[in-house]
Amino acid sequence: MTPEELHTEFEEAVERINAHTEPFPADFLLRLYAYYKKATNDYGRPSSRKPIINAFKTNALFQVQDISEDEAKQEYIKLVNNYFLYRK
C-alpha cells in the first residue's frame, strides 16, 4: 500500500468513527485515541477536565510511543474494521 493509499484509508476510518452515533467501549476509545494522536503526529497533552481520564490517555500514548506514524495508521484502520465487523 502506498503512503497515499494508507492516508486515504486512515481518513476513511476516522470519518467512519466520527459518523458513528452509538457509544464506544472505553478501552476501544483509548486505543483509537493513542493511534490517532501518533498517526497525526499530535503530541499535545490530554485535555480532559478529569485527571483520571488524562492519566488513562497519557498511558495509552505511552504504549504507542515506539511505533511509526504509518504503523499507527495501520493499527487504527485495523481497530475500526474489526470493531464494525464484530460488534453486536
Protein backbone atom coordinates (compact mmCIF):
# COMPACT_ATOMS: atom_id res chain seq x y z
CA MET A 1 0.00 0.00 0.00
CA THR A 2 1.37 3.39 -0.94
CA PRO A 3 1.59 6.18 1.66
CA GLU A 4 -1.22 8.00 -0.18
CA GLU A 5 -3.47 4.93 -0.11
CA LEU A 6 -2.71 4.41 3.58
CA HIS A 7 -3.55 8.03 4.35
CA THR A 8 -6.82 7.81 2.39
CA GLU A 9 -7.82 4.59 4.16
CA PHE A 10 -6.92 6.15 7.51
CA GLU A 11 -9.04 9.24 6.80
CA GLU A 12 -11.96 6.99 5.80
CA ALA A 13 -11.63 5.08 9.08
CA VAL A 14 -11.62 8.36 11.02
CA GLU A 15 -14.75 9.50 9.19
CA ARG A 16 -16.42 6.18 9.94
CA ILE A 17 -15.73 6.59 13.65
CA ASN A 18 -16.88 10.21 13.69
CA ALA A 19 -20.12 9.31 11.90
CA HIS A 20 -20.99 6.54 14.38
CA THR A 21 -23.61 7.67 16.90
CA GLU A 22 -23.62 4.84 19.44
CA PRO A 23 -21.18 4.90 22.38
CA PHE A 24 -17.90 3.01 22.08
CA PRO A 25 -16.29 0.92 24.84
CA ALA A 26 -13.79 2.95 26.87
CA ASP A 27 -10.81 0.69 26.13
CA PHE A 28 -11.54 0.92 22.41
CA LEU A 29 -11.69 4.72 22.60
CA LEU A 30 -8.34 4.86 24.38
CA ARG A 31 -6.67 2.75 21.72
CA LEU A 32 -8.24 4.87 18.96
CA TYR A 33 -7.07 8.00 20.75
CA ALA A 34 -3.48 6.81 21.05
CA TYR A 35 -3.19 5.57 17.47
CA TYR A 36 -4.86 8.72 16.12
CA LYS A 37 -2.53 11.02 18.05
CA LYS A 38 0.51 9.04 16.91
CA ALA A 39 -0.70 8.82 13.29
CA THR A 40 -1.33 12.55 13.09
CA ASN A 41 1.87 13.47 14.93
CA ASP A 42 -0.16 15.35 17.55
CA TYR A 43 1.77 15.25 20.79
CA GLY A 44 -0.30 17.75 22.73
CA ARG A 45 -1.15 16.91 26.31
CA PRO A 46 -4.52 15.30 27.06
CA SER A 47 -7.02 18.00 27.92
CA SER A 48 -9.82 16.34 29.85
CA ARG A 49 -11.22 18.11 32.88
CA LYS A 50 -10.88 14.87 34.84
CA PRO A 51 -7.35 13.97 35.94
CA ILE A 52 -8.07 10.22 35.82
CA ILE A 53 -9.03 10.44 32.14
CA ASN A 54 -5.84 12.36 31.41
CA ALA A 55 -3.89 9.62 33.16
CA PHE A 56 -5.51 6.91 31.03
CA LYS A 57 -4.86 8.91 27.85
CA THR A 58 -1.25 9.53 28.82
CA ASN A 59 -0.79 5.82 29.48
CA ALA A 60 -2.33 4.97 26.09
CA LEU A 61 0.06 7.39 24.38
CA PHE A 62 2.99 5.91 26.27
CA GLN A 63 2.09 2.44 24.97
CA VAL A 64 2.35 3.53 21.31
CA GLN A 65 5.49 5.65 21.61
CA ASP A 66 7.71 3.17 19.76
CA ILE A 67 5.66 2.75 16.58
CA SER A 68 5.82 4.87 13.45
CA GLU A 69 3.07 7.14 12.16
CA ASP A 70 2.32 4.69 9.35
CA GLU A 71 2.12 1.79 11.80
CA ALA A 72 -0.27 3.83 13.93
CA LYS A 73 -2.46 4.47 10.88
CA GLN A 74 -2.48 0.76 10.06
CA GLU A 75 -3.40 -0.17 13.64
CA TYR A 76 -6.16 2.47 13.71
CA ILE A 77 -7.62 1.10 10.47
CA LYS A 78 -7.48 -2.47 11.83
CA LEU A 79 -9.21 -1.44 15.05
CA VAL A 80 -12.01 0.30 13.19
CA ASN A 81 -12.50 -2.53 10.70
CA ASN A 82 -12.56 -5.16 13.44
CA TYR A 83 -14.96 -3.15 15.56
CA PHE A 84 -17.51 -2.77 12.81
CA LEU A 85 -17.01 -6.36 11.65
CA TYR A 86 -17.50 -7.99 15.06
CA ARG A 87 -19.74 -5.63 17.02
CA LYS A 88 -23.20 -6.80 18.01
